[in-house]
């Protein structure tokens, strides 16, 4: 398995989740920076979005984010979340 290609695929799926499922206003997938913050200053996600995102990640990838403490690190950026998912899918 080509990890680089797999990571790109996961990142694209995550961006689709953010735009299509969480319905972030005024943002298209191409606008989302892989290293940009998802919460606060970044995309402006909040705690309700975190819960929904955790659910959607589990549904789409079969990967569980154990608790909000783990979520803080995992939800730092698209890259952090994709890395977390890829490591657990192996």
C-alpha atoms as a PDB file:
ATOM      1  CA  UNK A   1       0.000   0.000   0.000  1.00  0.00           C
ATOM      2  CA  UNK A   2       1.314   3.438  -0.945  1.00  0.00           C
ATOM      3  CA  UNK A   3       0.970   5.438   2.274  1.00  0.00           C
ATOM      4  CA  UNK A   4       1.328   8.790   0.506  1.00  0.00           C
ATOM      5  CA  UNK A   5      -1.493   8.022  -1.917  1.00  0.00           C
ATOM      6  CA  UNK A   6      -3.639   6.607   0.901  1.00  0.00           C
ATOM      7  CA  UNK A   7      -3.075   9.757   2.986  1.00  0.00           C
ATOM      8  CA  UNK A   8      -4.132  11.964   0.055  1.00  0.00           C
ATOM      9  CA  UNK A   9      -7.279   9.887  -0.402  1.00  0.00           C
ATOM     10  CA  UNK A  10      -8.124  10.161   3.309  1.00  0.00           C
ATOM     11  CA  UNK A  11      -7.500  13.940   3.288  1.00  0.00           C
ATOM     12  CA  UNK A  12      -9.845  14.387   0.306  1.00  0.00           C
ATOM     13  CA  UNK A  13     -12.537  12.331   2.053  1.00  0.00           C
ATOM     14  CA  UNK A  14     -12.115  14.394   5.227  1.00  0.00           C
ATOM     15  CA  UNK A  15     -12.525  17.616   3.244  1.00  0.00           C
ATOM     16  CA  UNK A  16     -15.682  16.180   1.665  1.00  0.00           C
ATOM     17  CA  UNK A  17     -17.015  15.407   5.146  1.00  0.00           C
ATOM     18  CA  UNK A  18     -16.306  18.984   6.294  1.00  0.00           C
ATOM     19  CA  UNK A  19     -17.912  20.609   3.258  1.00  0.00           C
ATOM     20  CA  UNK A  20     -20.752  18.165   2.485  1.00  0.00           C
ATOM     21  CA  UNK A  21     -21.676  16.683   5.866  1.00  0.00           C
ATOM     22  CA  UNK A  22     -20.801  19.451   8.347  1.00  0.00           C
ATOM     23  CA  UNK A  23     -21.914  22.044   5.787  1.00  0.00           C
ATOM     24  CA  UNK A  24     -19.273  24.640   6.628  1.00  0.00           C
ATOM     25  CA  UNK A  25     -20.513  27.837   5.026  1.00  0.00           C
ATOM     26  CA  UNK A  26     -18.541  29.607   2.311  1.00  0.00           C
ATOM     27  CA  UNK A  27     -15.809  26.991   2.004  1.00  0.00           C
ATOM     28  CA  UNK A  28     -14.957  24.602  -0.801  1.00  0.00           C
ATOM     29  CA  UNK A  29     -12.632  21.608  -0.434  1.00  0.00           C
ATOM     30  CA  UNK A  30      -9.835  23.398  -2.278  1.00  0.00           C
ATOM     31  CA  UNK A  31      -9.853  26.188   0.349  1.00  0.00           C
ATOM     32  CA  UNK A  32      -9.061  23.828   3.222  1.00  0.00           C
ATOM     33  CA  UNK A  33      -5.373  23.908   4.179  1.00  0.00           C
ATOM     34  CA  UNK A  34      -4.056  20.476   5.207  1.00  0.00           C
ATOM     35  CA  UNK A  35      -2.099  22.080   8.067  1.00  0.00           C
ATOM     36  CA  UNK A  36      -4.696  24.722   8.971  1.00  0.00           C
ATOM     37  CA  UNK A  37      -6.542  24.628  12.272  1.00  0.00           C
ATOM     38  CA  UNK A  38      -9.995  23.074  12.128  1.00  0.00           C
ATOM     39  CA  UNK A  39     -11.287  24.836  15.253  1.00  0.00           C
ATOM     40  CA  UNK A  40     -11.284  28.440  16.438  1.00  0.00           C
ATOM     41  CA  UNK A  41      -9.262  30.706  14.161  1.00  0.00           C
ATOM     42  CA  UNK A  42      -9.048  28.053  11.434  1.00  0.00           C
ATOM     43  CA  UNK A  43     -12.290  26.757   9.947  1.00  0.00           C
ATOM     44  CA  UNK A  44     -14.213  27.905  13.006  1.00  0.00           C
ATOM     45  CA  UNK A  45     -15.537  24.496  14.038  1.00  0.00           C
ATOM     46  CA  UNK A  46     -16.977  24.206  17.543  1.00  0.00           C
ATOM     47  CA  UNK A  47     -17.553  21.426  20.082  1.00  0.00           C
ATOM     48  CA  UNK A  48     -20.784  20.276  18.416  1.00  0.00           C
ATOM     49  CA  UNK A  49     -18.893  19.983  15.127  1.00  0.00           C
ATOM     50  CA  UNK A  50     -16.242  17.911  16.947  1.00  0.00           C
ATOM     51  CA  UNK A  51     -18.849  15.409  18.126  1.00  0.00           C
ATOM     52  CA  UNK A  52     -20.370  15.172  14.649  1.00  0.00           C
ATOM     53  CA  UNK A  53     -16.951  14.910  12.997  1.00  0.00           C
ATOM     54  CA  UNK A  54     -15.928  12.102  15.382  1.00  0.00           C
ATOM     55  CA  UNK A  55     -19.147  10.243  14.505  1.00  0.00           C
ATOM     56  CA  UNK A  56     -18.624  10.732  10.757  1.00  0.00           C
ATOM     57  CA  UNK A  57     -14.980   9.590  10.954  1.00  0.00           C
ATOM     58  CA  UNK A  58     -16.068   6.442  12.780  1.00  0.00           C
ATOM     59  CA  UNK A  59     -18.849   5.814  10.249  1.00  0.00           C
ATOM     60  CA  UNK A  60     -16.694   6.455   7.146  1.00  0.00           C
ATOM     61  CA  UNK A  61     -13.362   4.951   8.272  1.00  0.00           C
ATOM     62  CA  UNK A  62     -14.263   2.594  11.143  1.00  0.00           C
ATOM     63  CA  UNK A  63     -11.852   4.477  13.408  1.00  0.00           C
ATOM     64  CA  UNK A  64     -12.894   5.598  16.893  1.00  0.00           C
ATOM     65  CA  UNK A  65     -11.653   8.740  18.613  1.00  0.00           C
ATOM     66  CA  UNK A  66     -11.644   7.620  22.231  1.00  0.00           C
ATOM     67  CA  UNK A  67     -12.319  10.896  24.038  1.00  0.00           C
ATOM     68  CA  UNK A  68     -12.110  14.659  23.703  1.00  0.00           C
ATOM     69  CA  UNK A  69      -8.539  14.661  25.051  1.00  0.00           C
ATOM     70  CA  UNK A  70      -7.451  12.467  22.147  1.00  0.00           C
ATOM     71  CA  UNK A  71      -9.691  14.548  19.889  1.00  0.00           C
ATOM     72  CA  UNK A  72      -7.798  17.757  20.710  1.00  0.00           C
ATOM     73  CA  UNK A  73      -4.647  16.338  19.117  1.00  0.00           C
ATOM     74  CA  UNK A  74      -6.397  14.455  16.318  1.00  0.00           C
ATOM     75  CA  UNK A  75      -8.575  17.415  15.287  1.00  0.00           C
ATOM     76  CA  UNK A  76      -5.635  19.846  15.069  1.00  0.00           C
ATOM     77  CA  UNK A  77      -5.594  19.741  11.256  1.00  0.00           C
ATOM     78  CA  UNK A  78      -6.547  17.654   8.233  1.00  0.00           C
ATOM     79  CA  UNK A  79      -3.006  16.222   8.246  1.00  0.00           C
ATOM     80  CA  UNK A  80      -3.212  15.219  11.921  1.00  0.00           C
ATOM     81  CA  UNK A  81      -6.618  13.599  11.442  1.00  0.00           C
ATOM     82  CA  UNK A  82      -5.562  11.772   8.258  1.00  0.00           C
ATOM     83  CA  UNK A  83      -2.417  10.452   9.980  1.00  0.00           C
ATOM     84  CA  UNK A  84      -4.497   9.218  12.933  1.00  0.00           C
ATOM     85  CA  UNK A  85      -6.938   7.433  10.597  1.00  0.00           C
ATOM     86  CA  UNK A  86      -4.202   5.920   8.394  1.00  0.00           C
ATOM     87  CA  UNK A  87      -2.325   4.537  11.435  1.00  0.00           C
ATOM     88  CA  UNK A  88      -5.462   2.817  12.715  1.00  0.00           C
ATOM     89  CA  UNK A  89      -6.575   1.465   9.353  1.00  0.00           C
ATOM     90  CA  UNK A  90      -3.310  -0.458   8.746  1.00  0.00           C
END
